[in-house]
């Protein structure tokens, strides 16, 4: 009888652990987002503050392995900053 040997794969282990952590922490993440939205509902409805959206995008950044806050910054803050830079250059 031969012993089945499997190759140890670091990328597979890393992705498996990341998937496990996301599955275990997802209820807590959803609870934090709901609490942040319910505690300050006026902030979540204003056009300027996107508390729940920002938190959710941070979670997605964490799952993807990119710097936390990057997606929210690129989508909502960078265009405004670029507009301000263009206005200052026009002066």
C-alpha atoms as a PDB file:
ATOM      1  CA  UNK A   1       0.000   0.000   0.000  1.00  0.00           C
ATOM      2  CA  UNK A   2       1.331   3.345  -0.958  1.00  0.00           C
ATOM      3  CA  UNK A   3       0.941   6.459   1.088  1.00  0.00           C
ATOM      4  CA  UNK A   4      -0.712   9.272  -0.791  1.00  0.00           C
ATOM      5  CA  UNK A   5       1.507  12.326  -0.668  1.00  0.00           C
ATOM      6  CA  UNK A   6       0.250  15.734  -1.487  1.00  0.00           C
ATOM      7  CA  UNK A   7       2.390  18.688  -2.357  1.00  0.00           C
ATOM      8  CA  UNK A   8       2.332  21.558   0.090  1.00  0.00           C
ATOM      9  CA  UNK A   9       1.213  24.678  -1.700  1.00  0.00           C
ATOM     10  CA  UNK A  10       1.649  28.028   0.014  1.00  0.00           C
ATOM     11  CA  UNK A  11      -0.665  29.952  -2.344  1.00  0.00           C
ATOM     12  CA  UNK A  12      -3.385  27.335  -1.876  1.00  0.00           C
ATOM     13  CA  UNK A  13      -2.963  27.466   1.906  1.00  0.00           C
ATOM     14  CA  UNK A  14      -3.086  31.268   1.869  1.00  0.00           C
ATOM     15  CA  UNK A  15      -6.269  31.373  -0.227  1.00  0.00           C
ATOM     16  CA  UNK A  16      -7.885  28.663   1.913  1.00  0.00           C
ATOM     17  CA  UNK A  17      -7.080  30.538   5.120  1.00  0.00           C
ATOM     18  CA  UNK A  18      -8.320  33.829   3.647  1.00  0.00           C
ATOM     19  CA  UNK A  19     -11.590  32.171   2.581  1.00  0.00           C
ATOM     20  CA  UNK A  20     -11.985  30.621   6.041  1.00  0.00           C
ATOM     21  CA  UNK A  21     -11.366  33.943   7.795  1.00  0.00           C
ATOM     22  CA  UNK A  22     -13.851  35.736   5.545  1.00  0.00           C
ATOM     23  CA  UNK A  23     -16.494  33.055   6.139  1.00  0.00           C
ATOM     24  CA  UNK A  24     -16.002  33.156   9.901  1.00  0.00           C
ATOM     25  CA  UNK A  25     -15.852  36.946  10.203  1.00  0.00           C
ATOM     26  CA  UNK A  26     -18.588  37.812   7.681  1.00  0.00           C
ATOM     27  CA  UNK A  27     -21.409  37.868  10.282  1.00  0.00           C
ATOM     28  CA  UNK A  28     -19.366  40.212  12.483  1.00  0.00           C
ATOM     29  CA  UNK A  29     -18.527  42.434   9.512  1.00  0.00           C
ATOM     30  CA  UNK A  30     -22.178  42.702   8.498  1.00  0.00           C
ATOM     31  CA  UNK A  31     -23.152  43.454  12.105  1.00  0.00           C
ATOM     32  CA  UNK A  32     -20.584  46.273  12.357  1.00  0.00           C
ATOM     33  CA  UNK A  33     -21.787  47.808   9.087  1.00  0.00           C
ATOM     34  CA  UNK A  34     -25.417  47.635  10.206  1.00  0.00           C
ATOM     35  CA  UNK A  35     -24.594  49.166  13.592  1.00  0.00           C
ATOM     36  CA  UNK A  36     -22.579  51.967  12.001  1.00  0.00           C
ATOM     37  CA  UNK A  37     -25.473  52.709   9.670  1.00  0.00           C
ATOM     38  CA  UNK A  38     -28.162  52.531  12.348  1.00  0.00           C
ATOM     39  CA  UNK A  39     -26.266  54.576  14.944  1.00  0.00           C
ATOM     40  CA  UNK A  40     -25.914  57.537  12.604  1.00  0.00           C
ATOM     41  CA  UNK A  41     -28.616  57.179   9.952  1.00  0.00           C
ATOM     42  CA  UNK A  42     -28.383  60.853   9.049  1.00  0.00           C
ATOM     43  CA  UNK A  43     -24.747  60.399   7.985  1.00  0.00           C
ATOM     44  CA  UNK A  44     -25.541  57.439   5.785  1.00  0.00           C
ATOM     45  CA  UNK A  45     -28.303  59.308   3.928  1.00  0.00           C
ATOM     46  CA  UNK A  46     -26.339  62.505   3.278  1.00  0.00           C
ATOM     47  CA  UNK A  47     -24.504  62.759   0.006  1.00  0.00           C
ATOM     48  CA  UNK A  48     -21.246  63.652   1.712  1.00  0.00           C
ATOM     49  CA  UNK A  49     -20.917  60.747   4.155  1.00  0.00           C
ATOM     50  CA  UNK A  50     -20.976  57.138   3.015  1.00  0.00           C
ATOM     51  CA  UNK A  51     -20.283  55.303   6.278  1.00  0.00           C
ATOM     52  CA  UNK A  52     -21.756  51.908   5.377  1.00  0.00           C
ATOM     53  CA  UNK A  53     -20.460  52.046   1.811  1.00  0.00           C
ATOM     54  CA  UNK A  54     -16.967  52.992   2.985  1.00  0.00           C
ATOM     55  CA  UNK A  55     -16.925  50.153   5.520  1.00  0.00           C
ATOM     56  CA  UNK A  56     -18.126  47.625   2.939  1.00  0.00           C
ATOM     57  CA  UNK A  57     -15.538  48.748   0.390  1.00  0.00           C
ATOM     58  CA  UNK A  58     -12.866  48.443   3.092  1.00  0.00           C
ATOM     59  CA  UNK A  59     -13.977  44.851   3.693  1.00  0.00           C
ATOM     60  CA  UNK A  60     -13.790  44.101  -0.023  1.00  0.00           C
ATOM     61  CA  UNK A  61     -10.311  45.661  -0.191  1.00  0.00           C
ATOM     62  CA  UNK A  62      -9.227  43.480   2.726  1.00  0.00           C
ATOM     63  CA  UNK A  63     -10.600  40.339   1.039  1.00  0.00           C
ATOM     64  CA  UNK A  64      -8.854  41.204  -2.244  1.00  0.00           C
ATOM     65  CA  UNK A  65      -5.591  41.881  -0.425  1.00  0.00           C
ATOM     66  CA  UNK A  66      -5.221  45.492  -1.569  1.00  0.00           C
ATOM     67  CA  UNK A  67      -4.654  48.441   0.787  1.00  0.00           C
ATOM     68  CA  UNK A  68      -7.752  49.095   2.893  1.00  0.00           C
ATOM     69  CA  UNK A  69      -9.569  52.220   1.819  1.00  0.00           C
ATOM     70  CA  UNK A  70      -8.107  52.255  -1.689  1.00  0.00           C
ATOM     71  CA  UNK A  71     -11.339  51.499  -3.589  1.00  0.00           C
ATOM     72  CA  UNK A  72     -13.330  54.126  -1.681  1.00  0.00           C
ATOM     73  CA  UNK A  73     -10.592  56.710  -2.187  1.00  0.00           C
ATOM     74  CA  UNK A  74     -10.308  56.046  -5.923  1.00  0.00           C
ATOM     75  CA  UNK A  75     -14.072  56.112  -6.416  1.00  0.00           C
ATOM     76  CA  UNK A  76     -15.171  58.999  -4.208  1.00  0.00           C
ATOM     77  CA  UNK A  77     -12.245  61.119  -3.039  1.00  0.00           C
ATOM     78  CA  UNK A  78      -9.684  61.091  -5.853  1.00  0.00           C
ATOM     79  CA  UNK A  79     -11.983  62.684  -8.507  1.00  0.00           C
ATOM     80  CA  UNK A  80     -12.744  65.598  -6.173  1.00  0.00           C
ATOM     81  CA  UNK A  81      -9.057  66.050  -5.393  1.00  0.00           C
ATOM     82  CA  UNK A  82      -8.192  65.984  -9.094  1.00  0.00           C
ATOM     83  CA  UNK A  83     -10.852  68.633  -9.776  1.00  0.00           C
ATOM     84  CA  UNK A  84      -9.385  70.831  -7.027  1.00  0.00           C
ATOM     85  CA  UNK A  85      -5.888  70.423  -8.467  1.00  0.00           C
ATOM     86  CA  UNK A  86      -7.172  71.369 -11.936  1.00  0.00           C
ATOM     87  CA  UNK A  87      -8.878  74.487 -10.541  1.00  0.00           C
ATOM     88  CA  UNK A  88      -5.658  75.589  -8.808  1.00  0.00           C
ATOM     89  CA  UNK A  89      -3.687  75.140 -12.024  1.00  0.00           C
ATOM     90  CA  UNK A  90      -6.192  77.257 -13.927  1.00  0.00           C
ATOM     91  CA  UNK A  91      -5.614  80.228 -11.576  1.00  0.00           C
END
